[in-house]
Amino acid sequence: VRRWFLKFGSPIARNLTASRPTPSDHWHLDEMVLVIRGKKHWLWRAVDNEGEVLDFLVQPRRNAKAAIKLIRKLLKKQRIIPTRIVTDKLRSYHVAFKEIGLTAEHIDIKRANNRAENSHQPIRRRERKMQRFKSPGSAQRFLNIQSAAYNHFYLQRHFLKRVTFKQFRDKATDVWNHASAAA
């Protein structure tokens, strides 16, 4: 399974990401700690207001330099300028926004970032099952594939009728089959 994952995971993730619609322009940024070989690393994540994972970055530090790197990566990859960015009260975000020159509305009110905080849960579950990540590179590879699959199959079930949910799930399965066949 590991060899298959290493060989086919990245092409499948690329194919799935290419088939996704343009995300929302309201972004939520957050960081969470990962312990890799006994050392703390920080997983910086960005999700839009609908819960779709935009991008992530595994870094050994939690500073302005890492925040700048994440935001530059986001702007380059998404090709849209956000109108609103919600973060926690980490000062590194303020420094990063100032240095990059973002004019988006910045919200750092307590509990406003629950969308990003809740999006960490699937990663925590996988991390426990995998008995932690072995290296920053393996974490980055796994999260690349996991976020593409998560965006593709995660549907907010409580908003949909069963018939509509099944139609969306069938369409997602067809796109998955096409993406994995192309890899």
N, C-alpha and C. Protein backbone atom coordinates (compact mmCIF):
# COMPACT_ATOMS: atom_id res chain seq x y z
N VAL A 1 0.84 -1.19 0.00
CA VAL A 1 0.00 0.00 0.00
C VAL A 1 0.88 1.25 0.00
N ARG A 2 1.96 1.21 0.78
CA ARG A 2 2.85 2.37 0.87
C ARG A 2 3.48 2.69 -0.48
N ARG A 3 3.94 1.67 -1.19
CA ARG A 3 4.55 1.89 -2.50
C ARG A 3 3.53 2.45 -3.50
N TRP A 4 2.32 1.90 -3.45
CA TRP A 4 1.27 2.39 -4.33
C TRP A 4 1.00 3.87 -4.02
N PHE A 5 0.93 4.17 -2.73
CA PHE A 5 0.66 5.54 -2.28
C PHE A 5 1.75 6.49 -2.79
N LEU A 6 3.01 6.08 -2.66
CA LEU A 6 4.11 6.94 -3.10
C LEU A 6 4.14 7.10 -4.62
N LYS A 7 3.76 6.05 -5.34
CA LYS A 7 3.82 6.09 -6.79
C LYS A 7 2.65 6.84 -7.41
N PHE A 8 1.44 6.55 -6.94
CA PHE A 8 0.25 7.08 -7.60
C PHE A 8 -0.45 8.21 -6.84
N GLY A 9 -0.08 8.44 -5.60
CA GLY A 9 -0.78 9.43 -4.79
C GLY A 9 -0.71 10.84 -5.35
N SER A 10 0.48 11.30 -5.69
CA SER A 10 0.64 12.68 -6.18
C SER A 10 -0.09 12.93 -7.50
N PRO A 11 0.02 12.03 -8.49
CA PRO A 11 -0.74 12.27 -9.73
C PRO A 11 -2.25 12.28 -9.52
N ILE A 12 -2.74 11.41 -8.65
CA ILE A 12 -4.18 11.41 -8.37
C ILE A 12 -4.58 12.71 -7.69
N ALA A 13 -3.78 13.17 -6.75
CA ALA A 13 -4.08 14.44 -6.06
C ALA A 13 -4.08 15.60 -7.05
N ARG A 14 -3.12 15.62 -7.97
CA ARG A 14 -3.08 16.68 -8.99
C ARG A 14 -4.33 16.65 -9.86
N ASN A 15 -4.73 15.45 -10.29
CA ASN A 15 -5.92 15.32 -11.13
C ASN A 15 -7.18 15.75 -10.38
N LEU A 16 -7.29 15.38 -9.12
CA LEU A 16 -8.46 15.77 -8.33
C LEU A 16 -8.50 17.28 -8.10
N THR A 17 -7.36 17.87 -7.82
CA THR A 17 -7.29 19.30 -7.57
C THR A 17 -7.65 20.09 -8.83
N ALA A 18 -7.22 19.59 -9.98
CA ALA A 18 -7.52 20.29 -11.24
C ALA A 18 -9.01 20.29 -11.55
N SER A 19 -9.74 19.30 -11.06
CA SER A 19 -11.17 19.20 -11.36
C SER A 19 -12.04 19.98 -10.39
N ARG A 20 -11.45 20.63 -9.39
CA ARG A 20 -12.23 21.36 -8.39
C ARG A 20 -12.60 22.76 -8.89
N PRO A 21 -13.78 23.26 -8.51
CA PRO A 21 -14.14 24.63 -8.88
C PRO A 21 -13.32 25.65 -8.09
N THR A 22 -13.39 26.89 -8.50
CA THR A 22 -12.67 27.96 -7.81
C THR A 22 -13.20 28.12 -6.39
N PRO A 23 -12.32 28.17 -5.41
CA PRO A 23 -12.79 28.29 -4.02
C PRO A 23 -13.31 29.70 -3.71
N SER A 24 -13.85 29.83 -2.54
CA SER A 24 -14.37 31.10 -2.05
C SER A 24 -13.23 32.08 -1.79
N ASP A 25 -13.54 33.36 -1.73
CA ASP A 25 -12.50 34.36 -1.46
C ASP A 25 -12.45 34.75 0.02
N HIS A 26 -13.11 33.99 0.88
CA HIS A 26 -13.01 34.16 2.33
C HIS A 26 -12.17 33.02 2.87
N TRP A 27 -11.00 33.33 3.40
CA TRP A 27 -10.06 32.30 3.83
C TRP A 27 -9.93 32.28 5.34
N HIS A 28 -9.69 31.09 5.88
CA HIS A 28 -9.42 30.90 7.30
C HIS A 28 -8.03 30.27 7.41
N LEU A 29 -7.13 30.90 8.13
CA LEU A 29 -5.76 30.40 8.30
C LEU A 29 -5.57 29.97 9.75
N ASP A 30 -4.89 28.86 9.92
CA ASP A 30 -4.62 28.38 11.27
C ASP A 30 -3.41 27.46 11.23
N GLU A 31 -2.84 27.23 12.40
CA GLU A 31 -1.70 26.33 12.52
C GLU A 31 -1.97 25.34 13.64
N MET A 32 -1.41 24.17 13.49
CA MET A 32 -1.53 23.15 14.53
C MET A 32 -0.17 22.48 14.68
N VAL A 33 0.08 21.93 15.85
CA VAL A 33 1.37 21.32 16.12
C VAL A 33 1.34 19.85 15.70
N LEU A 34 2.43 19.41 15.09
CA LEU A 34 2.66 18.00 14.78
C LEU A 34 3.97 17.61 15.47
N VAL A 35 4.00 16.48 16.12
CA VAL A 35 5.24 16.00 16.71
C VAL A 35 5.81 14.96 15.76
N ILE A 36 6.97 15.27 15.20
CA ILE A 36 7.63 14.38 14.24
C ILE A 36 9.00 14.02 14.80
N ARG A 37 9.18 12.75 15.12
CA ARG A 37 10.41 12.25 15.74
C ARG A 37 10.79 13.04 16.98
N GLY A 38 9.80 13.33 17.80
CA GLY A 38 10.03 14.00 19.07
C GLY A 38 10.21 15.50 18.99
N LYS A 39 10.16 16.08 17.80
CA LYS A 39 10.32 17.53 17.65
C LYS A 39 9.02 18.14 17.15
N LYS A 40 8.74 19.34 17.65
CA LYS A 40 7.53 20.04 17.22
C LYS A 40 7.71 20.60 15.82
N HIS A 41 6.72 20.38 14.99
CA HIS A 41 6.62 21.02 13.69
C HIS A 41 5.24 21.64 13.63
N TRP A 42 5.08 22.63 12.79
CA TRP A 42 3.80 23.32 12.69
C TRP A 42 3.20 23.08 11.33
N LEU A 43 1.96 22.65 11.34
CA LEU A 43 1.19 22.49 10.11
C LEU A 43 0.35 23.75 9.94
N TRP A 44 0.71 24.56 8.97
CA TRP A 44 -0.03 25.78 8.65
C TRP A 44 -1.05 25.39 7.60
N ARG A 45 -2.33 25.71 7.85
CA ARG A 45 -3.39 25.32 6.92
C ARG A 45 -4.26 26.51 6.57
N ALA A 46 -4.81 26.45 5.36
CA ALA A 46 -5.77 27.46 4.91
C ALA A 46 -6.98 26.73 4.35
N VAL A 47 -8.16 27.13 4.81
CA VAL A 47 -9.42 26.59 4.29
C VAL A 47 -10.29 27.77 3.90
N ASP A 48 -11.21 27.54 2.96
CA ASP A 48 -12.14 28.62 2.63
C ASP A 48 -13.36 28.53 3.54
N ASN A 49 -14.30 29.43 3.36
CA ASN A 49 -15.42 29.47 4.30
C ASN A 49 -16.40 28.32 4.11
N GLU A 50 -16.21 27.49 3.11
CA GLU A 50 -17.03 26.30 2.91
C GLU A 50 -16.34 25.04 3.41
N GLY A 51 -15.15 25.18 3.96
CA GLY A 51 -14.43 24.05 4.53
C GLY A 51 -13.48 23.36 3.58
N GLU A 52 -13.32 23.87 2.38
CA GLU A 52 -12.41 23.26 1.41
C GLU A 52 -10.97 23.63 1.74
N VAL A 53 -10.10 22.63 1.79
CA VAL A 53 -8.69 22.87 2.11
C VAL A 53 -8.03 23.53 0.90
N LEU A 54 -7.49 24.72 1.11
CA LEU A 54 -6.85 25.46 0.03
C LEU A 54 -5.38 25.07 -0.11
N ASP A 55 -4.68 25.05 1.01
CA ASP A 55 -3.27 24.69 0.99
C ASP A 55 -2.78 24.48 2.41
N PHE A 56 -1.57 23.97 2.54
CA PHE A 56 -0.98 23.69 3.85
C PHE A 56 0.52 23.71 3.69
N LEU A 57 1.20 23.78 4.82
CA LEU A 57 2.65 23.84 4.82
C LEU A 57 3.15 23.29 6.14
N VAL A 58 4.11 22.39 6.11
CA VAL A 58 4.72 21.85 7.33
C VAL A 58 6.04 22.59 7.54
N GLN A 59 6.17 23.26 8.69
CA GLN A 59 7.35 24.07 8.99
C GLN A 59 7.83 23.77 10.40
N PRO A 60 9.14 23.88 10.65
CA PRO A 60 9.64 23.64 12.01
C PRO A 60 9.39 24.82 12.95
N ARG A 61 9.02 25.98 12.40
CA ARG A 61 8.84 27.16 13.25
C ARG A 61 7.44 27.76 13.09
N ARG A 62 7.08 28.52 14.10
CA ARG A 62 5.79 29.22 14.10
C ARG A 62 6.09 30.71 14.19
N ASN A 63 6.54 31.27 13.07
CA ASN A 63 6.94 32.67 13.07
C ASN A 63 6.42 33.37 11.82
N ALA A 64 6.78 34.64 11.68
CA ALA A 64 6.29 35.44 10.56
C ALA A 64 6.81 34.91 9.22
N LYS A 65 8.02 34.39 9.21
CA LYS A 65 8.60 33.86 7.97
C LYS A 65 7.76 32.70 7.43
N ALA A 66 7.32 31.82 8.32
CA ALA A 66 6.48 30.70 7.91
C ALA A 66 5.11 31.18 7.45
N ALA A 67 4.55 32.18 8.12
CA ALA A 67 3.25 32.74 7.72
C ALA A 67 3.35 33.38 6.34
N ILE A 68 4.44 34.09 6.09
CA ILE A 68 4.65 34.72 4.78
C ILE A 68 4.75 33.65 3.71
N LYS A 69 5.47 32.59 3.99
CA LYS A 69 5.63 31.51 3.02
C LYS A 69 4.28 30.88 2.67
N LEU A 70 3.44 30.64 3.68
CA LEU A 70 2.11 30.07 3.44
C LEU A 70 1.26 31.01 2.59
N ILE A 71 1.23 32.27 2.93
CA ILE A 71 0.38 33.22 2.21
C ILE A 71 0.85 33.40 0.77
N ARG A 72 2.16 33.47 0.56
CA ARG A 72 2.67 33.57 -0.82
C ARG A 72 2.32 32.33 -1.62
N LYS A 73 2.44 31.17 -1.00
CA LYS A 73 2.09 29.92 -1.66
C LYS A 73 0.60 29.90 -2.02
N LEU A 74 -0.22 30.37 -1.11
CA LEU A 74 -1.66 30.44 -1.35
C LEU A 74 -1.99 31.36 -2.51
N LEU A 75 -1.44 32.56 -2.49
CA LEU A 75 -1.74 33.53 -3.54
C LEU A 75 -1.29 33.03 -4.91
N LYS A 76 -0.15 32.36 -4.95
CA LYS A 76 0.35 31.83 -6.22
C LYS A 76 -0.52 30.67 -6.72
N LYS A 77 -0.91 29.79 -5.81
CA LYS A 77 -1.66 28.60 -6.20
C LYS A 77 -3.12 28.90 -6.52
N GLN A 78 -3.76 29.76 -5.73
CA GLN A 78 -5.19 30.01 -5.90
C GLN A 78 -5.48 31.03 -6.99
N ARG A 79 -4.55 31.91 -7.26
CA ARG A 79 -4.70 32.94 -8.30
C ARG A 79 -5.89 33.87 -8.07
N ILE A 80 -6.33 33.98 -6.83
CA ILE A 80 -7.35 34.97 -6.50
C ILE A 80 -6.89 35.72 -5.25
N ILE A 81 -7.33 36.94 -5.13
CA ILE A 81 -7.01 37.74 -3.95
C ILE A 81 -8.18 37.61 -2.98
N PRO A 82 -7.92 37.22 -1.75
CA PRO A 82 -9.02 37.07 -0.79
C PRO A 82 -9.59 38.43 -0.39
N THR A 83 -10.89 38.45 -0.07
CA THR A 83 -11.51 39.68 0.41
C THR A 83 -11.57 39.70 1.93
N ARG A 84 -11.54 38.52 2.54
CA ARG A 84 -11.58 38.42 4.01
C ARG A 84 -10.69 37.26 4.43
N ILE A 85 -9.86 37.50 5.44
CA ILE A 85 -9.02 36.44 6.01
C ILE A 85 -9.26 36.40 7.51
N VAL A 86 -9.60 35.22 8.00
CA VAL A 86 -9.86 35.02 9.42
C VAL A 86 -8.71 34.22 10.00
N THR A 87 -8.12 34.71 11.09
CA THR A 87 -7.01 34.01 11.74
C THR A 87 -7.24 34.00 13.24
N ASP A 88 -6.35 33.29 13.94
CA ASP A 88 -6.34 33.43 15.39
C ASP A 88 -5.51 34.68 15.71
N LYS A 89 -5.18 34.89 16.96
CA LYS A 89 -4.51 36.14 17.35
C LYS A 89 -2.98 36.09 17.23
N LEU A 90 -2.46 35.14 16.49
CA LEU A 90 -1.01 35.04 16.31
C LEU A 90 -0.50 36.28 15.58
N ARG A 91 0.48 36.94 16.16
CA ARG A 91 0.99 38.21 15.60
C ARG A 91 1.73 38.01 14.28
N SER A 92 2.18 36.81 14.01
CA SER A 92 2.90 36.55 12.76
C SER A 92 2.05 36.86 11.54
N TYR A 93 0.75 36.66 11.65
CA TYR A 93 -0.14 36.95 10.52
C TYR A 93 -0.15 38.45 10.20
N HIS A 94 -0.18 39.28 11.24
CA HIS A 94 -0.18 40.73 11.02
C HIS A 94 1.10 41.17 10.30
N VAL A 95 2.22 40.63 10.73
CA VAL A 95 3.51 40.95 10.10
C VAL A 95 3.50 40.49 8.64
N ALA A 96 3.00 39.29 8.40
CA ALA A 96 2.96 38.73 7.04
C ALA A 96 2.07 39.57 6.13
N PHE A 97 0.90 39.95 6.60
CA PHE A 97 -0.01 40.76 5.78
C PHE A 97 0.62 42.10 5.43
N LYS A 98 1.30 42.69 6.41
CA LYS A 98 1.94 43.98 6.19
C LYS A 98 3.06 43.85 5.15
N GLU A 99 3.88 42.80 5.29
CA GLU A 99 5.01 42.63 4.38
C GLU A 99 4.55 42.32 2.96
N ILE A 100 3.53 41.49 2.82
CA ILE A 100 3.05 41.12 1.49
C ILE A 100 2.19 42.23 0.89
N GLY A 101 1.55 43.02 1.74
CA GLY A 101 0.72 44.12 1.26
C GLY A 101 -0.71 43.71 0.96
N LEU A 102 -1.21 42.74 1.70
CA LEU A 102 -2.59 42.30 1.49
C LEU A 102 -3.56 43.36 2.01
N THR A 103 -4.58 43.64 1.22
CA THR A 103 -5.58 44.63 1.62
C THR A 103 -6.88 43.97 2.07
N ALA A 104 -6.90 42.66 2.18
CA ALA A 104 -8.11 41.95 2.59
C ALA A 104 -8.47 42.30 4.03
N GLU A 105 -9.76 42.23 4.32
CA GLU A 105 -10.22 42.45 5.69
C GLU A 105 -9.66 41.33 6.57
N HIS A 106 -9.01 41.71 7.66
CA HIS A 106 -8.40 40.72 8.55
C HIS A 106 -9.19 40.65 9.84
N ILE A 107 -9.72 39.47 10.13
CA ILE A 107 -10.52 39.26 11.34
C ILE A 107 -9.74 38.32 12.25
N ASP A 108 -9.47 38.76 13.47
CA ASP A 108 -8.77 37.89 14.43
C ASP A 108 -9.50 37.89 15.78
N ILE A 109 -10.81 37.82 15.71
CA ILE A 109 -11.65 37.80 16.91
C ILE A 109 -11.71 36.38 17.45
N LYS A 110 -11.80 36.27 18.77
CA LYS A 110 -11.88 34.96 19.42
C LYS A 110 -13.06 34.16 18.87
N ARG A 111 -12.84 32.90 18.59
CA ARG A 111 -13.81 31.94 18.08
C ARG A 111 -14.29 32.20 16.65
N ALA A 112 -13.75 33.19 15.98
CA ALA A 112 -14.15 33.44 14.59
C ALA A 112 -13.51 32.43 13.65
N ASN A 113 -12.46 31.76 14.13
CA ASN A 113 -11.70 30.85 13.28
C ASN A 113 -12.08 29.38 13.50
N ASN A 114 -13.28 29.12 13.94
CA ASN A 114 -13.70 27.74 14.20
C ASN A 114 -13.69 26.87 12.94
N ARG A 115 -13.91 27.47 11.78
CA ARG A 115 -13.91 26.71 10.52
C ARG A 115 -12.55 26.03 10.34
N ALA A 116 -11.47 26.76 10.55
CA ALA A 116 -10.13 26.19 10.40
C ALA A 116 -9.81 25.22 11.53
N GLU A 117 -10.22 25.56 12.74
CA GLU A 117 -9.95 24.68 13.89
C GLU A 117 -10.62 23.31 13.70
N ASN A 118 -11.85 23.31 13.20
CA ASN A 118 -12.56 22.05 13.00
C ASN A 118 -11.99 21.25 11.84
N SER A 119 -11.37 21.92 10.88
CA SER A 119 -10.81 21.19 9.74
C SER A 119 -9.55 20.41 10.12
N HIS A 120 -9.02 20.62 11.34
CA HIS A 120 -7.86 19.85 11.80
C HIS A 120 -8.26 18.44 12.23
N GLN A 121 -9.51 18.21 12.54
CA GLN A 121 -9.92 16.93 13.12
C GLN A 121 -9.62 15.71 12.24
N PRO A 122 -9.91 15.74 10.92
CA PRO A 122 -9.56 14.57 10.11
C PRO A 122 -8.06 14.26 10.12
N ILE A 123 -7.24 15.29 10.19
CA ILE A 123 -5.79 15.07 10.22
C ILE A 123 -5.39 14.42 11.54
N ARG A 124 -5.96 14.88 12.63
CA ARG A 124 -5.67 14.27 13.93
C ARG A 124 -6.06 12.79 13.95
N ARG A 125 -7.21 12.47 13.38
CA ARG A 125 -7.63 11.06 13.34
C ARG A 125 -6.65 10.22 12.54
N ARG A 126 -6.24 10.71 11.36
CA ARG A 126 -5.30 9.96 10.53
C ARG A 126 -3.93 9.86 11.21
N GLU A 127 -3.53 10.91 11.87
CA GLU A 127 -2.23 10.92 12.56
C GLU A 127 -2.21 9.85 13.65
N ARG A 128 -3.30 9.71 14.39
CA ARG A 128 -3.37 8.68 15.43
C ARG A 128 -3.31 7.28 14.82
N LYS A 129 -4.04 7.07 13.73
CA LYS A 129 -4.04 5.75 13.09
C LYS A 129 -2.67 5.41 12.52
N MET A 130 -1.98 6.41 12.01
CA MET A 130 -0.66 6.18 11.42
C MET A 130 0.44 6.16 12.48
N GLN A 131 0.08 6.39 13.73
CA GLN A 131 1.04 6.46 14.83
C GLN A 131 2.09 7.54 14.57
N ARG A 132 1.60 8.70 14.23
CA ARG A 132 2.37 9.92 13.97
C ARG A 132 3.09 9.85 12.63
N PHE A 133 3.51 11.00 12.18
CA PHE A 133 4.27 11.08 10.93
C PHE A 133 5.74 10.84 11.23
N LYS A 134 6.44 10.24 10.28
CA LYS A 134 7.84 9.87 10.49
C LYS A 134 8.82 10.98 10.10
N SER A 135 8.41 11.84 9.16
CA SER A 135 9.27 12.95 8.73
C SER A 135 8.39 14.08 8.19
N PRO A 136 8.93 15.29 8.13
CA PRO A 136 8.14 16.39 7.55
C PRO A 136 7.76 16.12 6.09
N GLY A 137 8.64 15.47 5.35
CA GLY A 137 8.35 15.15 3.95
C GLY A 137 7.20 14.16 3.82
N SER A 138 7.19 13.14 4.69
CA SER A 138 6.09 12.17 4.63
C SER A 138 4.78 12.82 5.05
N ALA A 139 4.84 13.74 6.00
CA ALA A 139 3.62 14.47 6.41
C ALA A 139 3.11 15.31 5.25
N GLN A 140 4.02 16.00 4.57
CA GLN A 140 3.62 16.85 3.44
C GLN A 140 3.01 16.01 2.32
N ARG A 141 3.62 14.86 2.01
CA ARG A 141 3.09 13.99 0.95
C ARG A 141 1.72 13.46 1.31
N PHE A 142 1.59 12.96 2.54
CA PHE A 142 0.31 12.42 2.96
C PHE A 142 -0.78 13.49 2.94
N LEU A 143 -0.47 14.66 3.48
CA LEU A 143 -1.47 15.71 3.57
C LEU A 143 -1.87 16.24 2.20
N ASN A 144 -0.96 16.21 1.24
CA ASN A 144 -1.28 16.61 -0.12
C ASN A 144 -2.38 15.73 -0.69
N ILE A 145 -2.22 14.43 -0.53
CA ILE A 145 -3.20 13.49 -1.07
C ILE A 145 -4.47 13.49 -0.23
N GLN A 146 -4.31 13.55 1.09
CA GLN A 146 -5.47 13.53 1.97
C GLN A 146 -6.35 14.75 1.75
N SER A 147 -5.76 15.92 1.58
CA SER A 147 -6.58 17.13 1.40
C SER A 147 -7.32 17.11 0.06
N ALA A 148 -6.67 16.58 -0.99
CA ALA A 148 -7.35 16.48 -2.28
C ALA A 148 -8.55 15.53 -2.20
N ALA A 149 -8.35 14.38 -1.56
CA ALA A 149 -9.45 13.42 -1.42
C ALA A 149 -10.53 13.96 -0.49
N TYR A 150 -10.12 14.63 0.57
CA TYR A 150 -11.08 15.20 1.52
C TYR A 150 -11.95 16.24 0.84
N ASN A 151 -11.33 17.14 0.08
CA ASN A 151 -12.10 18.16 -0.64
C ASN A 151 -13.08 17.53 -1.61
N HIS A 152 -12.65 16.44 -2.19
CA HIS A 152 -13.45 15.80 -3.22
C HIS A 152 -14.67 15.06 -2.66
N PHE A 153 -14.47 14.33 -1.58
CA PHE A 153 -15.53 13.48 -1.06
C PHE A 153 -16.31 14.08 0.11
N TYR A 154 -15.76 15.08 0.77
CA TYR A 154 -16.45 15.64 1.93
C TYR A 154 -17.60 16.52 1.47
N LEU A 155 -18.79 16.11 1.77
CA LEU A 155 -19.99 16.89 1.47
C LEU A 155 -20.67 17.18 2.79
N GLN A 156 -21.12 18.39 2.96
CA GLN A 156 -21.78 18.73 4.21
C GLN A 156 -23.17 18.12 4.20
N ARG A 157 -23.24 16.90 4.67
CA ARG A 157 -24.43 16.06 4.59
C ARG A 157 -25.66 16.71 5.19
N HIS A 158 -25.50 17.45 6.26
CA HIS A 158 -26.65 18.02 6.93
C HIS A 158 -27.34 19.11 6.10
N PHE A 159 -26.69 19.59 5.02
CA PHE A 159 -27.31 20.59 4.16
C PHE A 159 -28.07 19.97 2.98
N LEU A 160 -27.92 18.67 2.77
CA LEU A 160 -28.44 18.04 1.56
C LEU A 160 -29.51 17.01 1.85
N LYS A 161 -30.40 16.85 0.88
CA LYS A 161 -31.35 15.74 0.94
C LYS A 161 -30.60 14.49 0.53
N ARG A 162 -31.11 13.35 0.92
CA ARG A 162 -30.44 12.08 0.64
C ARG A 162 -30.23 11.86 -0.85
N VAL A 163 -31.25 12.14 -1.66
CA VAL A 163 -31.15 11.93 -3.11
C VAL A 163 -30.04 12.81 -3.70
N THR A 164 -30.01 14.06 -3.30
CA THR A 164 -28.98 14.98 -3.79
C THR A 164 -27.59 14.53 -3.33
N PHE A 165 -27.50 14.11 -2.08
CA PHE A 165 -26.23 13.62 -1.54
C PHE A 165 -25.72 12.43 -2.35
N LYS A 166 -26.61 11.50 -2.67
CA LYS A 166 -26.21 10.32 -3.46
C LYS A 166 -25.75 10.73 -4.85
N GLN A 167 -26.42 11.71 -5.46
CA GLN A 167 -26.01 12.17 -6.79
C GLN A 167 -24.61 12.79 -6.73
N PHE A 168 -24.37 13.63 -5.72
CA PHE A 168 -23.05 14.24 -5.57
C PHE A 168 -21.98 13.18 -5.31
N ARG A 169 -22.31 12.19 -4.47
CA ARG A 169 -21.36 11.13 -4.15
C ARG A 169 -21.04 10.30 -5.40
N ASP A 170 -22.06 10.00 -6.22
CA ASP A 170 -21.84 9.26 -7.46
C ASP A 170 -20.95 10.05 -8.42
N LYS A 171 -21.20 11.35 -8.51
CA LYS A 171 -20.37 12.19 -9.38
C LYS A 171 -18.93 12.23 -8.86
N ALA A 172 -18.77 12.34 -7.55
CA ALA A 172 -17.42 12.35 -6.95
C ALA A 172 -16.70 11.04 -7.23
N THR A 173 -17.42 9.93 -7.16
CA THR A 173 -16.82 8.62 -7.44
C THR A 173 -16.40 8.53 -8.90
N ASP A 174 -17.22 9.05 -9.81
CA ASP A 174 -16.85 9.05 -11.23
C ASP A 174 -15.59 9.87 -11.48
N VAL A 175 -15.52 11.04 -10.85
CA VAL A 175 -14.32 11.89 -11.01
C VAL A 175 -13.10 11.20 -10.41
N TRP A 176 -13.27 10.53 -9.26
CA TRP A 176 -12.17 9.79 -8.64
C TRP A 176 -11.68 8.69 -9.58
N ASN A 177 -12.61 7.94 -10.18
CA ASN A 177 -12.23 6.87 -11.11
C ASN A 177 -11.47 7.44 -12.30
N HIS A 178 -11.91 8.57 -12.81
CA HIS A 178 -11.22 9.21 -13.94
C HIS A 178 -9.83 9.70 -13.52
N ALA A 179 -9.73 10.32 -12.34
CA ALA A 179 -8.45 10.84 -11.86
C ALA A 179 -7.46 9.71 -11.59
N SER A 180 -7.95 8.62 -11.02
CA SER A 180 -7.03 7.51 -10.71
C SER A 180 -6.67 6.72 -11.97
N ALA A 181 -7.54 6.70 -12.97
CA ALA A 181 -7.21 6.01 -14.23
C ALA A 181 -6.16 6.80 -15.00
N ALA A 182 -6.21 8.13 -14.91
CA ALA A 182 -5.24 8.97 -15.61
C ALA A 182 -3.86 8.89 -14.97
N ALA A 183 -3.81 8.53 -13.69
CA ALA A 183 -2.52 8.44 -13.00
C ALA A 183 -1.86 7.16 -13.42
